[in-house]
C-alpha atoms as a PDB file:
ATOM      1  CA  MET A   1      92.842 109.272  84.631  1.00  0.00           C
ATOM      2  CA  SER A   2      91.902 112.087  87.157  1.00  0.00           C
ATOM      3  CA  SER A   3      93.325 113.189  90.477  1.00  0.00           C
ATOM      4  CA  ILE A   4      93.055 115.879  93.042  1.00  0.00           C
ATOM      5  CA  VAL A   5      95.782 117.224  95.270  1.00  0.00           C
ATOM      6  CA  THR A   6      95.174 117.467  98.963  1.00  0.00           C
ATOM      7  CA  ASP A   7      97.277 118.750 101.746  1.00  0.00           C
ATOM      8  CA  GLN A   8      98.081 115.123 102.525  1.00  0.00           C
ATOM      9  CA  GLY A   9      98.803 113.711  99.183  1.00  0.00           C
ATOM     10  CA  ILE A  10      97.531 113.094  95.662  1.00  0.00           C
ATOM     11  CA  VAL A  11      94.292 111.118  95.238  1.00  0.00           C
ATOM     12  CA  HIS A  12      93.671 109.341  92.018  1.00  0.00           C
ATOM     13  CA  TYR A  13      90.063 108.593  90.938  1.00  0.00           C
ATOM     14  CA  GLU A  14      88.014 107.499  87.852  1.00  0.00           C
ATOM     15  CA  THR A  15      84.532 108.604  86.981  1.00  0.00           C
ATOM     16  CA  TYR A  16      81.756 107.132  84.790  1.00  0.00           C
ATOM     17  CA  GLY A  17      78.087 107.856  83.931  1.00  0.00           C
ATOM     18  CA  SER A  18      75.696 110.769  84.424  1.00  0.00           C
ATOM     19  CA  GLY A  19      73.272 111.588  87.131  1.00  0.00           C
ATOM     20  CA  ALA A  20      73.428 111.872  90.906  1.00  0.00           C
ATOM     21  CA  PRO A  21      76.841 111.106  92.370  1.00  0.00           C
ATOM     22  CA  VAL A  22      77.635 107.762  94.038  1.00  0.00           C
ATOM     23  CA  ILE A  23      81.084 107.175  95.654  1.00  0.00           C
ATOM     24  CA  LEU A  24      82.718 103.842  95.539  1.00  0.00           C
ATOM     25  CA  LEU A  25      85.394 102.845  98.109  1.00  0.00           C
ATOM     26  CA  HIS A  26      87.736  99.732  97.579  1.00  0.00           C
ATOM     27  CA  GLY A  27      89.097  97.310 100.177  1.00  0.00           C
ATOM     28  CA  TRP A  28      92.522  96.492 101.540  1.00  0.00           C
ATOM     29  CA  LEU A  29      95.098  95.860  98.815  1.00  0.00           C
ATOM     30  CA  GLY A  30      92.618  96.859  96.286  1.00  0.00           C
ATOM     31  CA  SER A  31      92.040  99.884  94.010  1.00  0.00           C
ATOM     32  CA  TRP A  32      89.293 101.580  92.034  1.00  0.00           C
ATOM     33  CA  GLY A  33      89.607  98.800  89.353  1.00  0.00           C
ATOM     34  CA  LEU A  34      87.332  96.646  91.363  1.00  0.00           C
ATOM     35  CA  TRP A  35      84.431  98.785  90.541  1.00  0.00           C
ATOM     36  CA  ARG A  36      84.568  98.763  86.736  1.00  0.00           C
ATOM     37  CA  PRO A  37      81.537  96.465  86.262  1.00  0.00           C
ATOM     38  CA  THR A  38      79.581  98.189  88.948  1.00  0.00           C
ATOM     39  CA  MET A  39      80.141 101.674  87.239  1.00  0.00           C
ATOM     40  CA  GLU A  40      79.079 100.394  83.972  1.00  0.00           C
ATOM     41  CA  ALA A  41      75.952  98.991  85.507  1.00  0.00           C
ATOM     42  CA  LEU A  42      75.106 102.084  87.361  1.00  0.00           C
ATOM     43  CA  GLY A  43      76.357 104.698  84.855  1.00  0.00           C
ATOM     44  CA  GLY A  44      72.957 105.044  83.148  1.00  0.00           C
ATOM     45  CA  GLN A  45      71.551 106.519  86.292  1.00  0.00           C
ATOM     46  CA  TYR A  46      74.452 107.747  88.384  1.00  0.00           C
ATOM     47  CA  ARG A  47      77.761 109.618  88.122  1.00  0.00           C
ATOM     48  CA  CYS A  48      80.125 107.087  89.753  1.00  0.00           C
ATOM     49  CA  TYR A  49      83.220 108.133  91.445  1.00  0.00           C
ATOM     50  CA  ALA A  50      85.774 105.385  92.399  1.00  0.00           C
ATOM     51  CA  LEU A  51      88.909 106.574  94.247  1.00  0.00           C
ATOM     52  CA  ASP A  52      92.104 105.022  95.425  1.00  0.00           C
ATOM     53  CA  PHE A  53      92.898 105.475  99.052  1.00  0.00           C
ATOM     54  CA  TRP A  54      96.247 107.007  99.892  1.00  0.00           C
ATOM     55  CA  GLY A  55      98.872 104.147  99.562  1.00  0.00           C
ATOM     56  CA  PHE A  56      96.885 102.176  97.116  1.00  0.00           C
ATOM     57  CA  GLY A  57      96.472 102.116  93.374  1.00  0.00           C
ATOM     58  CA  GLU A  58      97.689 105.279  91.750  1.00  0.00           C
ATOM     59  CA  SER A  59      97.103 107.681  94.685  1.00  0.00           C
ATOM     60  CA  GLY A  60      99.986 109.175  96.680  1.00  0.00           C
ATOM     61  CA  LYS A  61     102.223 107.025  98.808  1.00  0.00           C
ATOM     62  CA  LYS A  62     104.354 109.655 100.773  1.00  0.00           C
ATOM     63  CA  ARG A  63     102.584 109.431 104.104  1.00  0.00           C
ATOM     64  CA  ASP A  64     103.446 108.036 107.555  1.00  0.00           C
ATOM     65  CA  SER A  65      99.850 107.013 108.360  1.00  0.00           C
ATOM     66  CA  TYR A  66      97.378 104.873 106.444  1.00  0.00           C
ATOM     67  CA  ALA A  67      94.744 104.310 109.116  1.00  0.00           C
ATOM     68  CA  VAL A  68      91.014 103.827 108.461  1.00  0.00           C
ATOM     69  CA  SER A  69      90.500 107.197 110.077  1.00  0.00           C
ATOM     70  CA  ASP A  70      92.758 108.826 107.512  1.00  0.00           C
ATOM     71  CA  PHE A  71      90.519 107.198 104.785  1.00  0.00           C
ATOM     72  CA  MET A  72      87.449 108.617 106.391  1.00  0.00           C
ATOM     73  CA  ALA A  73      88.980 112.086 106.238  1.00  0.00           C
ATOM     74  CA  LEU A  74      89.936 111.490 102.730  1.00  0.00           C
ATOM     75  CA  VAL A  75      86.310 110.872 101.668  1.00  0.00           C
ATOM     76  CA  ALA A  76      85.135 114.215 103.095  1.00  0.00           C
ATOM     77  CA  GLN A  77      88.180 116.033 101.405  1.00  0.00           C
ATOM     78  CA  PHE A  78      87.455 114.300  98.115  1.00  0.00           C
ATOM     79  CA  MET A  79      83.772 115.417  98.163  1.00  0.00           C
ATOM     80  CA  GLU A  80      84.832 118.934  99.108  1.00  0.00           C
ATOM     81  CA  ALA A  81      87.384 119.138  96.321  1.00  0.00           C
ATOM     82  CA  LEU A  82      84.848 117.882  93.643  1.00  0.00           C
ATOM     83  CA  GLY A  83      81.936 119.998  94.942  1.00  0.00           C
ATOM     84  CA  ILE A  84      79.952 116.952  95.930  1.00  0.00           C
ATOM     85  CA  GLU A  85      77.671 118.116  98.592  1.00  0.00           C
ATOM     86  CA  LYS A  86      76.308 114.791  99.739  1.00  0.00           C
ATOM     87  CA  ALA A  87      76.078 111.248  98.218  1.00  0.00           C
ATOM     88  CA  PRO A  88      75.560 107.548  98.841  1.00  0.00           C
ATOM     89  CA  LEU A  89      78.841 105.759  99.902  1.00  0.00           C
ATOM     90  CA  VAL A  90      79.333 102.077  98.661  1.00  0.00           C
ATOM     91  CA  GLY A  91      82.234 100.312 100.083  1.00  0.00           C
ATOM     92  CA  HIS A  92      83.833  96.937  99.854  1.00  0.00           C
ATOM     93  CA  SER A  93      85.594  95.368 102.778  1.00  0.00           C
ATOM     94  CA  MET A  94      87.701  98.121 104.359  1.00  0.00           C
ATOM     95  CA  GLY A  95      86.061 100.543 102.140  1.00  0.00           C
ATOM     96  CA  GLY A  96      82.812  99.786 103.787  1.00  0.00           C
ATOM     97  CA  THR A  97      84.151 100.295 107.180  1.00  0.00           C
ATOM     98  CA  THR A  98      85.410 103.626 106.153  1.00  0.00           C
ATOM     99  CA  ALA A  99      81.987 104.482 104.600  1.00  0.00           C
ATOM    100  CA  LEU A 100      80.339 103.795 107.948  1.00  0.00           C
ATOM    101  CA  GLY A 101      82.900 105.812 109.721  1.00  0.00           C
ATOM    102  CA  THR A 102      82.351 108.758 107.337  1.00  0.00           C
ATOM    103  CA  ALA A 103      78.612 108.585 108.064  1.00  0.00           C
ATOM    104  CA  ILE A 104      79.430 108.888 111.763  1.00  0.00           C
ATOM    105  CA  HIS A 105      82.071 111.652 111.492  1.00  0.00           C
ATOM    106  CA  THR A 106      80.604 113.727 108.689  1.00  0.00           C
ATOM    107  CA  PRO A 107      77.008 112.721 108.583  1.00  0.00           C
ATOM    108  CA  GLU A 108      75.960 115.883 106.481  1.00  0.00           C
ATOM    109  CA  ARG A 109      77.958 114.275 103.530  1.00  0.00           C
ATOM    110  CA  VAL A 110      76.287 110.936 103.415  1.00  0.00           C
ATOM    111  CA  THR A 111      72.770 110.079 102.282  1.00  0.00           C
ATOM    112  CA  LYS A 112      73.081 106.282 102.252  1.00  0.00           C
ATOM    113  CA  VAL A 113      75.698 103.598 102.949  1.00  0.00           C
ATOM    114  CA  CYS A 114      76.177 100.239 101.351  1.00  0.00           C
ATOM    115  CA  VAL A 115      78.914  97.925 102.837  1.00  0.00           C
ATOM    116  CA  ILE A 116      79.931  94.687 101.155  1.00  0.00           C
ATOM    117  CA  GLY A 117      81.797  92.112 103.174  1.00  0.00           C
ATOM    118  CA  SER A 118      82.856  94.673 105.648  1.00  0.00           C
ATOM    119  CA  PRO A 119      84.229  94.298 109.122  1.00  0.00           C
ATOM    120  CA  ILE A 120      82.243  96.107 111.809  1.00  0.00           C
ATOM    121  CA  VAL A 121      84.755  94.682 114.312  1.00  0.00           C
ATOM    122  CA  GLY A 122      88.366  94.164 113.438  1.00  0.00           C
ATOM    123  CA  SER A 123      88.573  90.838 115.135  1.00  0.00           C
ATOM    124  CA  SER A 124      86.363  89.295 112.530  1.00  0.00           C
ATOM    125  CA  LEU A 125      89.133  89.528 110.075  1.00  0.00           C
ATOM    126  CA  ALA A 126      90.770  86.160 109.181  1.00  0.00           C
ATOM    127  CA  LEU A 127      93.744  85.264 111.323  1.00  0.00           C
ATOM    128  CA  LEU A 128      96.291  85.833 108.491  1.00  0.00           C
ATOM    129  CA  LEU A 129      95.062  89.249 107.898  1.00  0.00           C
ATOM    130  CA  GLN A 130      95.196  90.137 111.530  1.00  0.00           C
ATOM    131  CA  LEU A 131      98.804  88.855 111.547  1.00  0.00           C
ATOM    132  CA  ALA A 132      99.618  91.143 108.579  1.00  0.00           C
ATOM    133  CA  GLY A 133      98.595  93.967 110.791  1.00  0.00           C
ATOM    134  CA  VAL A 134     101.608  93.291 113.135  1.00  0.00           C
ATOM    135  CA  PRO A 135     104.298  95.718 111.832  1.00  0.00           C
ATOM    136  CA  TRP A 136     107.064  93.295 111.712  1.00  0.00           C
ATOM    137  CA  ILE A 137     105.154  90.514 110.088  1.00  0.00           C
ATOM    138  CA  GLY A 138     103.574  92.834 107.577  1.00  0.00           C
ATOM    139  CA  SER A 139     106.893  94.261 106.583  1.00  0.00           C
ATOM    140  CA  LEU A 140     108.413  90.785 106.130  1.00  0.00           C
ATOM    141  CA  VAL A 141     105.609  89.577 103.962  1.00  0.00           C
ATOM    142  CA  ARG A 142     105.488  92.808 101.849  1.00  0.00           C
ATOM    143  CA  ARG A 143     109.281  92.628 101.261  1.00  0.00           C
ATOM    144  CA  LEU A 144     108.753  89.235  99.608  1.00  0.00           C
ATOM    145  CA  PRO A 145     106.272  90.156  96.924  1.00  0.00           C
ATOM    146  CA  GLY A 146     106.701  86.881  95.003  1.00  0.00           C
ATOM    147  CA  ALA A 147     105.845  84.828  97.828  1.00  0.00           C
ATOM    148  CA  LEU A 148     102.829  86.949  98.773  1.00  0.00           C
ATOM    149  CA  LYS A 149     101.551  86.833  95.265  1.00  0.00           C
ATOM    150  CA  LEU A 150     102.023  83.040  95.196  1.00  0.00           C
ATOM    151  CA  GLY A 151     100.226  82.590  98.478  1.00  0.00           C
ATOM    152  CA  VAL A 152      97.244  84.821  97.148  1.00  0.00           C
ATOM    153  CA  ARG A 153      97.143  82.803  93.888  1.00  0.00           C
ATOM    154  CA  LEU A 154      97.065  79.492  95.647  1.00  0.00           C
ATOM    155  CA  TYR A 155      94.335  80.690  98.172  1.00  0.00           C
ATOM    156  CA  ALA A 156      92.286  82.371  95.348  1.00  0.00           C
ATOM    157  CA  PRO A 157      89.825  79.552  94.847  1.00  0.00           C
ATOM    158  CA  ARG A 158      88.882  79.722  98.406  1.00  0.00           C
ATOM    159  CA  ILE A 159      88.334  83.572  98.241  1.00  0.00           C
ATOM    160  CA  THR A 160      86.194  83.739  95.013  1.00  0.00           C
ATOM    161  CA  ARG A 161      84.361  81.323  92.651  1.00  0.00           C
ATOM    162  CA  LYS A 162      86.168  83.151  89.865  1.00  0.00           C
ATOM    163  CA  PRO A 163      89.882  83.115  90.748  1.00  0.00           C
ATOM    164  CA  LYS A 164      91.088  83.470  87.163  1.00  0.00           C
ATOM    165  CA  GLU A 165      89.308  86.930  86.925  1.00  0.00           C
ATOM    166  CA  TRP A 166      90.203  88.038  90.423  1.00  0.00           C
ATOM    167  CA  TYR A 167      93.862  87.180  90.635  1.00  0.00           C
ATOM    168  CA  PRO A 168      95.344  89.315  87.801  1.00  0.00           C
ATOM    169  CA  VAL A 169      93.444  92.350  89.298  1.00  0.00           C
ATOM    170  CA  ILE A 170      94.700  91.775  92.872  1.00  0.00           C
ATOM    171  CA  ALA A 171      98.244  90.916  91.752  1.00  0.00           C
ATOM    172  CA  ARG A 172      98.463  94.241  89.985  1.00  0.00           C
ATOM    173  CA  ASP A 173      97.042  96.103  93.108  1.00  0.00           C
ATOM    174  CA  ILE A 174      99.487  94.379  95.375  1.00  0.00           C
ATOM    175  CA  SER A 175     102.404  95.628  93.303  1.00  0.00           C
ATOM    176  CA  ALA A 176     101.068  99.179  93.721  1.00  0.00           C
ATOM    177  CA  THR A 177     101.102  99.143  97.652  1.00  0.00           C
ATOM    178  CA  THR A 178     104.011 100.091  99.858  1.00  0.00           C
ATOM    179  CA  VAL A 179     105.299  98.401 102.965  1.00  0.00           C
ATOM    180  CA  ALA A 180     103.857 101.115 104.999  1.00  0.00           C
ATOM    181  CA  SER A 181     100.363 101.205 103.476  1.00  0.00           C
ATOM    182  CA  PHE A 182     100.325  97.419 103.548  1.00  0.00           C
ATOM    183  CA  PHE A 183     100.599  96.876 107.246  1.00  0.00           C
ATOM    184  CA  SER A 184      99.430 100.326 108.585  1.00  0.00           C
ATOM    185  CA  SER A 185      96.069 100.004 106.980  1.00  0.00           C
ATOM    186  CA  ILE A 186      95.264  96.454 107.939  1.00  0.00           C
ATOM    187  CA  GLY A 187      96.727  97.084 111.495  1.00  0.00           C
ATOM    188  CA  SER A 188      94.381 100.075 111.862  1.00  0.00           C
ATOM    189  CA  LEU A 189      91.487  97.866 110.536  1.00  0.00           C
ATOM    190  CA  ARG A 190      92.326  95.138 112.877  1.00  0.00           C
ATOM    191  CA  ARG A 191      91.998  97.614 115.794  1.00  0.00           C
ATOM    192  CA  THR A 192      88.630  99.097 114.567  1.00  0.00           C
ATOM    193  CA  ASP A 193      85.400  98.584 116.496  1.00  0.00           C
ATOM    194  CA  LEU A 194      82.467 100.573 115.187  1.00  0.00           C
ATOM    195  CA  ARG A 195      79.793  99.139 117.480  1.00  0.00           C
ATOM    196  CA  PRO A 196      79.844 101.860 120.077  1.00  0.00           C
ATOM    197  CA  ARG A 197      78.954 104.467 117.524  1.00  0.00           C
ATOM    198  CA  LEU A 198      76.702 102.582 115.065  1.00  0.00           C
ATOM    199  CA  HIS A 199      73.769 104.188 116.550  1.00  0.00           C
ATOM    200  CA  GLU A 200      74.886 107.593 115.079  1.00  0.00           C
ATOM    201  CA  VAL A 201      74.569 106.202 111.557  1.00  0.00           C
ATOM    202  CA  LEU A 202      71.035 107.700 110.694  1.00  0.00           C
ATOM    203  CA  VAL A 203      70.836 107.047 106.991  1.00  0.00           C
ATOM    204  CA  PRO A 204      69.426 103.948 105.060  1.00  0.00           C
ATOM    205  CA  THR A 205      72.266 101.300 105.305  1.00  0.00           C
ATOM    206  CA  LEU A 206      72.659  98.027 103.395  1.00  0.00           C
ATOM    207  CA  GLY A 207      74.943  95.222 104.247  1.00  0.00           C
ATOM    208  CA  ILE A 208      75.699  92.604 101.509  1.00  0.00           C
ATOM    209  CA  TYR A 209      77.538  89.585 102.967  1.00  0.00           C
ATOM    210  CA  GLY A 210      78.641  86.434 101.256  1.00  0.00           C
ATOM    211  CA  MET A 211      78.158  83.269 103.460  1.00  0.00           C
ATOM    212  CA  ARG A 212      81.400  81.718 102.093  1.00  0.00           C
ATOM    213  CA  ASP A 213      83.584  84.644 103.012  1.00  0.00           C
ATOM    214  CA  VAL A 214      86.885  83.491 104.394  1.00  0.00           C
ATOM    215  CA  ILE A 215      88.335  87.072 104.703  1.00  0.00           C
ATOM    216  CA  VAL A 216      85.762  88.702 106.974  1.00  0.00           C
ATOM    217  CA  HIS A 217      83.305  86.552 109.141  1.00  0.00           C
ATOM    218  CA  PRO A 218      80.118  86.639 107.328  1.00  0.00           C
ATOM    219  CA  LYS A 219      78.102  87.069 110.339  1.00  0.00           C
ATOM    220  CA  GLN A 220      79.354  90.745 110.737  1.00  0.00           C
ATOM    221  CA  TYR A 221      75.939  91.719 109.473  1.00  0.00           C
ATOM    222  CA  ALA A 222      74.681  90.985 112.896  1.00  0.00           C
ATOM    223  CA  PRO A 223      76.369  93.955 114.735  1.00  0.00           C
ATOM    224  CA  LEU A 224      75.334  96.148 111.756  1.00  0.00           C
ATOM    225  CA  GLN A 225      71.684  95.245 112.081  1.00  0.00           C
ATOM    226  CA  ALA A 226      71.839  95.677 115.868  1.00  0.00           C
ATOM    227  CA  GLY A 227      73.623  98.997 115.751  1.00  0.00           C
ATOM    228  CA  VAL A 228      72.076 100.968 112.703  1.00  0.00           C
ATOM    229  CA  LYS A 229      68.434 101.791 112.973  1.00  0.00           C
ATOM    230  CA  GLN A 230      67.796 101.855 109.245  1.00  0.00           C
ATOM    231  CA  ALA A 231      69.967  98.792 108.342  1.00  0.00           C
ATOM    232  CA  CYS A 232      68.831  95.959 106.108  1.00  0.00           C
ATOM    233  CA  VAL A 233      71.025  92.987 105.037  1.00  0.00           C
ATOM    234  CA  ALA A 234      71.295  90.929 101.886  1.00  0.00           C
ATOM    235  CA  ILE A 235      72.689  87.435 102.411  1.00  0.00           C
ATOM    236  CA  MET A 236      74.385  85.813  99.383  1.00  0.00           C
ATOM    237  CA  SER A 237      74.646  82.327 100.075  1.00  0.00           C
ATOM    238  CA  HIS A 238      77.002  81.308  97.095  1.00  0.00           C
ATOM    239  CA  SER A 239      79.337  84.326  97.373  1.00  0.00           C
ATOM    240  CA  GLY A 240      82.600  84.765  99.264  1.00  0.00           C
ATOM    241  CA  HIS A 241      84.405  88.025  99.916  1.00  0.00           C
ATOM    242  CA  PHE A 242      83.677  89.361  96.475  1.00  0.00           C
ATOM    243  CA  PRO A 243      79.828  89.108  95.657  1.00  0.00           C
ATOM    244  CA  MET A 244      80.358  91.255  92.606  1.00  0.00           C
ATOM    245  CA  LEU A 245      82.306  88.532  91.049  1.00  0.00           C
ATOM    246  CA  ASP A 246      80.722  85.424  92.558  1.00  0.00           C
ATOM    247  CA  GLU A 247      76.957  86.460  91.965  1.00  0.00           C
ATOM    248  CA  PRO A 248      77.156  89.461  89.850  1.00  0.00           C
ATOM    249  CA  GLU A 249      73.460  89.699  88.807  1.00  0.00           C
ATOM    250  CA  ALA A 250      72.128  89.261  92.382  1.00  0.00           C
ATOM    251  CA  TYR A 251      74.620  91.817  93.644  1.00  0.00           C
ATOM    252  CA  LEU A 252      73.816  94.460  90.983  1.00  0.00           C
ATOM    253  CA  SER A 253      70.128  93.931  91.761  1.00  0.00           C
ATOM    254  CA  HIS A 254      70.680  94.595  95.504  1.00  0.00           C
ATOM    255  CA  ILE A 255      72.794  97.685  94.805  1.00  0.00           C
ATOM    256  CA  LYS A 256      70.306  99.219  92.306  1.00  0.00           C
ATOM    257  CA  SER A 257      67.273  98.528  94.449  1.00  0.00           C
ATOM    258  CA  PHE A 258      69.062 100.241  97.437  1.00  0.00           C
ATOM    259  CA  LEU A 259      70.118 103.288  95.549  1.00  0.00           C
ATOM    260  CA  ASN A 260      66.808 103.699  93.750  1.00  0.00           C
ATOM    261  CA  GLY A 261      64.858 103.156  96.938  1.00  0.00           C
ATOM    262  CA  PRO A 262      63.780 105.982  99.264  1.00  0.00           C
END
């Protein structure tokens, strides 16, 4: 277990493998733990860094703001603290939105971007997630953790083909969030629209989208392709919001080909 201290809070991260650095960014309500299989698969070629955003996992939770823009700044601070001059960013869901934003705001730090089931426009989020971004609704839901976990458990078969693998991980990660990080982050994501600045992303970009995604509209690959000059898309017809669980072999093939490419 490793951590760095920033002027805005402690950041927990885990690392695995050797070689050129790759930074992995988790989604809403998630943590670095999502990336374990990916880190093991890439570790023979790359030094993988998986961090917890402020307010999630084991990172600090004494902040007033958990906006997507805060997480963009966090990535740059993290790289600076660890002496990583530049690296590919791989992000799932909110983490992918953060990765694209980082490529816009600190382009000198980013060599490639891979987004997995990530919203380009916040309105593409499922209605229930958009409602969670309303402060009083999010606060109410988060204050009923038992009901929240039960709802997630019942909905799990629609989210992934492997609910028995996914639910224990997400249940643990939900327990690690605070009321503030819960609704502040999703509220910020709901208001995000990267389309006006996507043309500023000048590095190779891969979008991996599951056609059975009920969390983020799967056709979010369209604005990504339209806005980023060097964008390519991998459509995973049998995956939902978590291709790394639903079609792990195909998912890893896409990731490896992209990272190993020019």
